[in-house]
Amino acid sequence: MDVNASSWLVILLAVVAANLPFLNEKVFGLVPLKAARKPFLLRLAELAVLYVAVGGIGMALESRIGTAFPQNWEFYWVAAFAFLVFAFPGFVVRYLRKHH
């Protein structure tokens, strides 16, 4: 897999993973809860775990292509906020759209 394809794969995976907590009532899309609705804090925790998972996949792809570049804290903050921006459509569908 070349650099361009792996970059787009990580971005697509980030968009899907960022919206997953908001688009279903199961934990990580697999484990059903006893409660009727998933609490917002659980959705945020799920979002944080998925952020770390997508970051790990991105690092694995980067090291598979060549040498992984060392990153500072600024990179991870920017990536975290980009992940939150990717999660905005799912948040809008779950909390801001009127349900009839």
C-alpha atoms as a PDB file:
ATOM      1  CA  MET A   1       0.000   0.000   0.000  1.00  0.00           C
ATOM      2  CA  ASP A   2       1.466   3.348  -0.967  1.00  0.00           C
ATOM      3  CA  VAL A   3       1.546   6.518   1.135  1.00  0.00           C
ATOM      4  CA  ASN A   4      -1.435   8.138  -0.574  1.00  0.00           C
ATOM      5  CA  ALA A   5      -3.713   5.123  -0.179  1.00  0.00           C
ATOM      6  CA  SER A   6      -2.782   4.585   3.465  1.00  0.00           C
ATOM      7  CA  SER A   7      -3.374   8.273   4.214  1.00  0.00           C
ATOM      8  CA  TRP A   8      -6.864   8.147   2.751  1.00  0.00           C
ATOM      9  CA  LEU A   9      -7.536   4.873   4.550  1.00  0.00           C
ATOM     10  CA  VAL A  10      -6.691   6.434   7.919  1.00  0.00           C
ATOM     11  CA  ILE A  11      -8.850   9.491   7.182  1.00  0.00           C
ATOM     12  CA  LEU A  12     -11.804   7.340   6.121  1.00  0.00           C
ATOM     13  CA  LEU A  13     -11.356   5.119   9.166  1.00  0.00           C
ATOM     14  CA  ALA A  14     -11.240   8.205  11.405  1.00  0.00           C
ATOM     15  CA  VAL A  15     -14.494   9.573   9.954  1.00  0.00           C
ATOM     16  CA  VAL A  16     -16.282   6.252  10.444  1.00  0.00           C
ATOM     17  CA  ALA A  17     -14.868   5.687  13.942  1.00  0.00           C
ATOM     18  CA  ALA A  18     -15.654   9.242  15.070  1.00  0.00           C
ATOM     19  CA  ASN A  19     -19.320   8.865  14.131  1.00  0.00           C
ATOM     20  CA  LEU A  20     -19.761   5.320  15.459  1.00  0.00           C
ATOM     21  CA  PRO A  21     -20.533   6.289  19.097  1.00  0.00           C
ATOM     22  CA  PHE A  22     -23.331   8.618  18.014  1.00  0.00           C
ATOM     23  CA  LEU A  23     -25.017   6.440  15.421  1.00  0.00           C
ATOM     24  CA  ASN A  24     -25.867   3.404  17.544  1.00  0.00           C
ATOM     25  CA  GLU A  25     -26.847   2.454  21.090  1.00  0.00           C
ATOM     26  CA  LYS A  26     -24.303  -0.343  21.489  1.00  0.00           C
ATOM     27  CA  VAL A  27     -20.840   0.078  22.985  1.00  0.00           C
ATOM     28  CA  PHE A  28     -18.359   0.087  20.087  1.00  0.00           C
ATOM     29  CA  GLY A  29     -21.209  -1.054  17.885  1.00  0.00           C
ATOM     30  CA  LEU A  30     -21.007  -4.554  19.378  1.00  0.00           C
ATOM     31  CA  VAL A  31     -22.024  -4.759  23.048  1.00  0.00           C
ATOM     32  CA  PRO A  32     -25.683  -3.987  23.839  1.00  0.00           C
ATOM     33  CA  LEU A  33     -26.509  -2.048  27.005  1.00  0.00           C
ATOM     34  CA  LYS A  34     -29.305  -2.775  29.460  1.00  0.00           C
ATOM     35  CA  ALA A  35     -30.284   0.905  29.454  1.00  0.00           C
ATOM     36  CA  ALA A  36     -32.514   2.174  26.662  1.00  0.00           C
ATOM     37  CA  ARG A  37     -30.116   5.013  25.773  1.00  0.00           C
ATOM     38  CA  LYS A  38     -26.358   5.184  25.952  1.00  0.00           C
ATOM     39  CA  PRO A  39     -25.207   8.022  28.286  1.00  0.00           C
ATOM     40  CA  PHE A  40     -23.282  10.939  26.796  1.00  0.00           C
ATOM     41  CA  LEU A  41     -20.201  10.307  28.961  1.00  0.00           C
ATOM     42  CA  LEU A  42     -20.039   6.747  27.668  1.00  0.00           C
ATOM     43  CA  ARG A  43     -20.172   8.119  24.130  1.00  0.00           C
ATOM     44  CA  LEU A  44     -17.244  10.447  24.933  1.00  0.00           C
ATOM     45  CA  ALA A  45     -15.244   7.604  26.483  1.00  0.00           C
ATOM     46  CA  GLU A  46     -15.944   5.492  23.420  1.00  0.00           C
ATOM     47  CA  LEU A  47     -14.817   8.390  21.225  1.00  0.00           C
ATOM     48  CA  ALA A  48     -11.525   8.639  23.154  1.00  0.00           C
ATOM     49  CA  VAL A  49     -10.845   4.903  22.844  1.00  0.00           C
ATOM     50  CA  LEU A  50     -11.597   4.981  19.125  1.00  0.00           C
ATOM     51  CA  TYR A  51      -9.267   7.989  18.713  1.00  0.00           C
ATOM     52  CA  VAL A  52      -6.425   6.009  20.269  1.00  0.00           C
ATOM     53  CA  ALA A  53      -7.266   2.955  18.140  1.00  0.00           C
ATOM     54  CA  VAL A  54      -7.281   4.941  14.880  1.00  0.00           C
ATOM     55  CA  GLY A  55      -4.022   6.616  15.935  1.00  0.00           C
ATOM     56  CA  GLY A  56      -2.480   3.212  16.545  1.00  0.00           C
ATOM     57  CA  ILE A  57      -3.592   1.991  13.130  1.00  0.00           C
ATOM     58  CA  GLY A  58      -2.147   5.141  11.572  1.00  0.00           C
ATOM     59  CA  MET A  59       1.174   4.612  13.350  1.00  0.00           C
ATOM     60  CA  ALA A  60       1.249   0.968  12.259  1.00  0.00           C
ATOM     61  CA  LEU A  61       0.636   1.929   8.632  1.00  0.00           C
ATOM     62  CA  GLU A  62       3.270   4.649   8.820  1.00  0.00           C
ATOM     63  CA  SER A  63       5.889   2.304  10.264  1.00  0.00           C
ATOM     64  CA  ARG A  64       4.987  -0.329   7.650  1.00  0.00           C
ATOM     65  CA  ILE A  65       5.699   2.163   4.846  1.00  0.00           C
ATOM     66  CA  GLY A  66       8.964   3.367   6.350  1.00  0.00           C
ATOM     67  CA  THR A  67      10.326   4.982   9.459  1.00  0.00           C
ATOM     68  CA  ALA A  68       7.623   6.429  11.691  1.00  0.00           C
ATOM     69  CA  PHE A  69       8.299  10.070  12.439  1.00  0.00           C
ATOM     70  CA  PRO A  70       8.380  11.111  16.110  1.00  0.00           C
ATOM     71  CA  GLN A  71       5.542  13.488  17.019  1.00  0.00           C
ATOM     72  CA  ASN A  72       5.207  16.084  19.762  1.00  0.00           C
ATOM     73  CA  TRP A  73       2.159  16.834  21.871  1.00  0.00           C
ATOM     74  CA  GLU A  74       0.953  19.459  19.358  1.00  0.00           C
ATOM     75  CA  PHE A  75       0.387  16.796  16.716  1.00  0.00           C
ATOM     76  CA  TYR A  76      -1.811  14.719  19.030  1.00  0.00           C
ATOM     77  CA  TRP A  77      -3.906  17.733  20.071  1.00  0.00           C
ATOM     78  CA  VAL A  78      -4.492  18.754  16.465  1.00  0.00           C
ATOM     79  CA  ALA A  79      -5.375  15.158  15.574  1.00  0.00           C
ATOM     80  CA  ALA A  80      -7.771  14.963  18.544  1.00  0.00           C
ATOM     81  CA  PHE A  81      -9.580  18.121  17.479  1.00  0.00           C
ATOM     82  CA  ALA A  82      -9.727  16.903  13.876  1.00  0.00           C
ATOM     83  CA  PHE A  83     -11.287  13.687  15.227  1.00  0.00           C
ATOM     84  CA  LEU A  84     -13.877  15.793  17.070  1.00  0.00           C
ATOM     85  CA  VAL A  85     -14.640  17.686  13.855  1.00  0.00           C
ATOM     86  CA  PHE A  86     -15.114  14.352  12.089  1.00  0.00           C
ATOM     87  CA  ALA A  87     -17.578  13.381  14.874  1.00  0.00           C
ATOM     88  CA  PHE A  88     -19.752  16.464  14.357  1.00  0.00           C
ATOM     89  CA  PRO A  89     -22.182  14.907  11.815  1.00  0.00           C
ATOM     90  CA  GLY A  90     -22.958  12.039  14.179  1.00  0.00           C
ATOM     91  CA  PHE A  91     -23.421  14.472  17.069  1.00  0.00           C
ATOM     92  CA  VAL A  92     -25.832  16.554  15.002  1.00  0.00           C
ATOM     93  CA  VAL A  93     -27.866  13.507  14.011  1.00  0.00           C
ATOM     94  CA  ARG A  94     -28.033  12.255  17.624  1.00  0.00           C
ATOM     95  CA  TYR A  95     -28.600  15.468  19.606  1.00  0.00           C
ATOM     96  CA  LEU A  96     -29.496  18.432  17.377  1.00  0.00           C
ATOM     97  CA  ARG A  97     -31.815  16.989  14.726  1.00  0.00           C
ATOM     98  CA  LYS A  98     -35.500  16.953  15.555  1.00  0.00           C
ATOM     99  CA  HIS A  99     -36.847  13.424  15.798  1.00  0.00           C
ATOM    100  CA  HIS A 100     -40.451  13.024  14.723  1.00  0.00           C
END
